[in-house]
Amino acid sequence: MEWAPTHLPIYVEAHYALALTQIQRKNYEEAKTLLKKVLELNPDYPQAGTKLAWLEASF
């Protein structure tokens, strides 16, 4: 099966959820990497830019 555009929102949501989990586990570098991937895939994703800016400023 070829990659379909309909899968992209699910893929982005999964990366965002993983990033939030990594923040809870205090694994900030991994969270930054995941949030950067979210923004690469969807630059308008709600709160991803804010969370990434907070992480980069704080940790």
C-alpha atoms as a PDB file:
ATOM      1  CA  MET A   1       0.000   0.000   0.000  1.00  0.00           C
ATOM      2  CA  GLU A   2       1.320   3.401  -0.904  1.00  0.00           C
ATOM      3  CA  TRP A   3       1.538   6.237   1.612  1.00  0.00           C
ATOM      4  CA  ALA A   4      -1.740   8.124   1.495  1.00  0.00           C
ATOM      5  CA  PRO A   5      -2.194  11.778   2.493  1.00  0.00           C
ATOM      6  CA  THR A   6      -4.999  10.714   4.832  1.00  0.00           C
ATOM      7  CA  HIS A   7      -2.425   8.998   7.063  1.00  0.00           C
ATOM      8  CA  LEU A   8      -0.471  12.190   7.686  1.00  0.00           C
ATOM      9  CA  PRO A   9      -2.739  13.648  10.424  1.00  0.00           C
ATOM     10  CA  ILE A  10      -2.568  10.371  12.370  1.00  0.00           C
ATOM     11  CA  TYR A  11       1.218  10.244  11.983  1.00  0.00           C
ATOM     12  CA  VAL A  12       1.590  13.849  13.162  1.00  0.00           C
ATOM     13  CA  GLU A  13      -0.767  13.303  16.100  1.00  0.00           C
ATOM     14  CA  ALA A  14       1.222  10.234  17.156  1.00  0.00           C
ATOM     15  CA  HIS A  15       4.486  12.191  17.143  1.00  0.00           C
ATOM     16  CA  TYR A  16       2.886  14.972  19.201  1.00  0.00           C
ATOM     17  CA  ALA A  17       1.510  12.480  21.738  1.00  0.00           C
ATOM     18  CA  LEU A  18       4.931  10.846  22.028  1.00  0.00           C
ATOM     19  CA  ALA A  19       6.523  14.252  22.598  1.00  0.00           C
ATOM     20  CA  LEU A  20       4.103  14.992  25.449  1.00  0.00           C
ATOM     21  CA  THR A  21       4.922  11.622  26.999  1.00  0.00           C
ATOM     22  CA  GLN A  22       8.646  12.366  26.780  1.00  0.00           C
ATOM     23  CA  ILE A  23       8.080  15.717  28.519  1.00  0.00           C
ATOM     24  CA  GLN A  24       6.303  13.916  31.374  1.00  0.00           C
ATOM     25  CA  ARG A  25       9.252  11.511  31.608  1.00  0.00           C
ATOM     26  CA  LYS A  26      11.658  14.473  31.620  1.00  0.00           C
ATOM     27  CA  ASN A  27      13.314  13.242  28.423  1.00  0.00           C
ATOM     28  CA  TYR A  28      13.481  16.738  26.974  1.00  0.00           C
ATOM     29  CA  GLU A  29      15.920  16.123  24.115  1.00  0.00           C
ATOM     30  CA  GLU A  30      13.718  13.381  22.676  1.00  0.00           C
ATOM     31  CA  ALA A  31      10.654  15.608  23.087  1.00  0.00           C
ATOM     32  CA  LYS A  32      12.400  18.390  21.155  1.00  0.00           C
ATOM     33  CA  THR A  33      13.233  15.983  18.333  1.00  0.00           C
ATOM     34  CA  LEU A  34       9.645  14.756  18.129  1.00  0.00           C
ATOM     35  CA  LEU A  35       8.207  18.285  18.174  1.00  0.00           C
ATOM     36  CA  LYS A  36      10.573  19.345  15.406  1.00  0.00           C
ATOM     37  CA  LYS A  37       9.284  16.407  13.343  1.00  0.00           C
ATOM     38  CA  VAL A  38       5.684  17.470  14.036  1.00  0.00           C
ATOM     39  CA  LEU A  39       6.442  21.002  12.847  1.00  0.00           C
ATOM     40  CA  GLU A  40       8.271  19.683   9.797  1.00  0.00           C
ATOM     41  CA  LEU A  41       5.230  17.629   8.810  1.00  0.00           C
ATOM     42  CA  ASN A  42       2.632  20.243   9.762  1.00  0.00           C
ATOM     43  CA  PRO A  43       3.952  23.744  10.568  1.00  0.00           C
ATOM     44  CA  ASP A  44       0.491  24.861  11.742  1.00  0.00           C
ATOM     45  CA  TYR A  45       0.003  22.091  14.300  1.00  0.00           C
ATOM     46  CA  PRO A  46      -1.612  23.653  17.403  1.00  0.00           C
ATOM     47  CA  GLN A  47       0.696  24.121  20.395  1.00  0.00           C
ATOM     48  CA  ALA A  48       3.693  22.280  18.884  1.00  0.00           C
ATOM     49  CA  GLY A  49       5.620  25.486  18.228  1.00  0.00           C
ATOM     50  CA  THR A  50       4.802  26.845  21.673  1.00  0.00           C
ATOM     51  CA  LYS A  51       5.896  23.648  23.413  1.00  0.00           C
ATOM     52  CA  LEU A  52       9.105  23.489  21.386  1.00  0.00           C
ATOM     53  CA  ALA A  53       9.932  27.124  22.183  1.00  0.00           C
ATOM     54  CA  TRP A  54       9.297  26.460  25.874  1.00  0.00           C
ATOM     55  CA  LEU A  55      11.555  23.395  25.853  1.00  0.00           C
ATOM     56  CA  GLU A  56      14.349  25.174  24.023  1.00  0.00           C
ATOM     57  CA  ALA A  57      14.199  28.126  26.406  1.00  0.00           C
ATOM     58  CA  SER A  58      13.985  26.001  29.543  1.00  0.00           C
ATOM     59  CA  PHE A  59      16.159  22.948  28.922  1.00  0.00           C
END
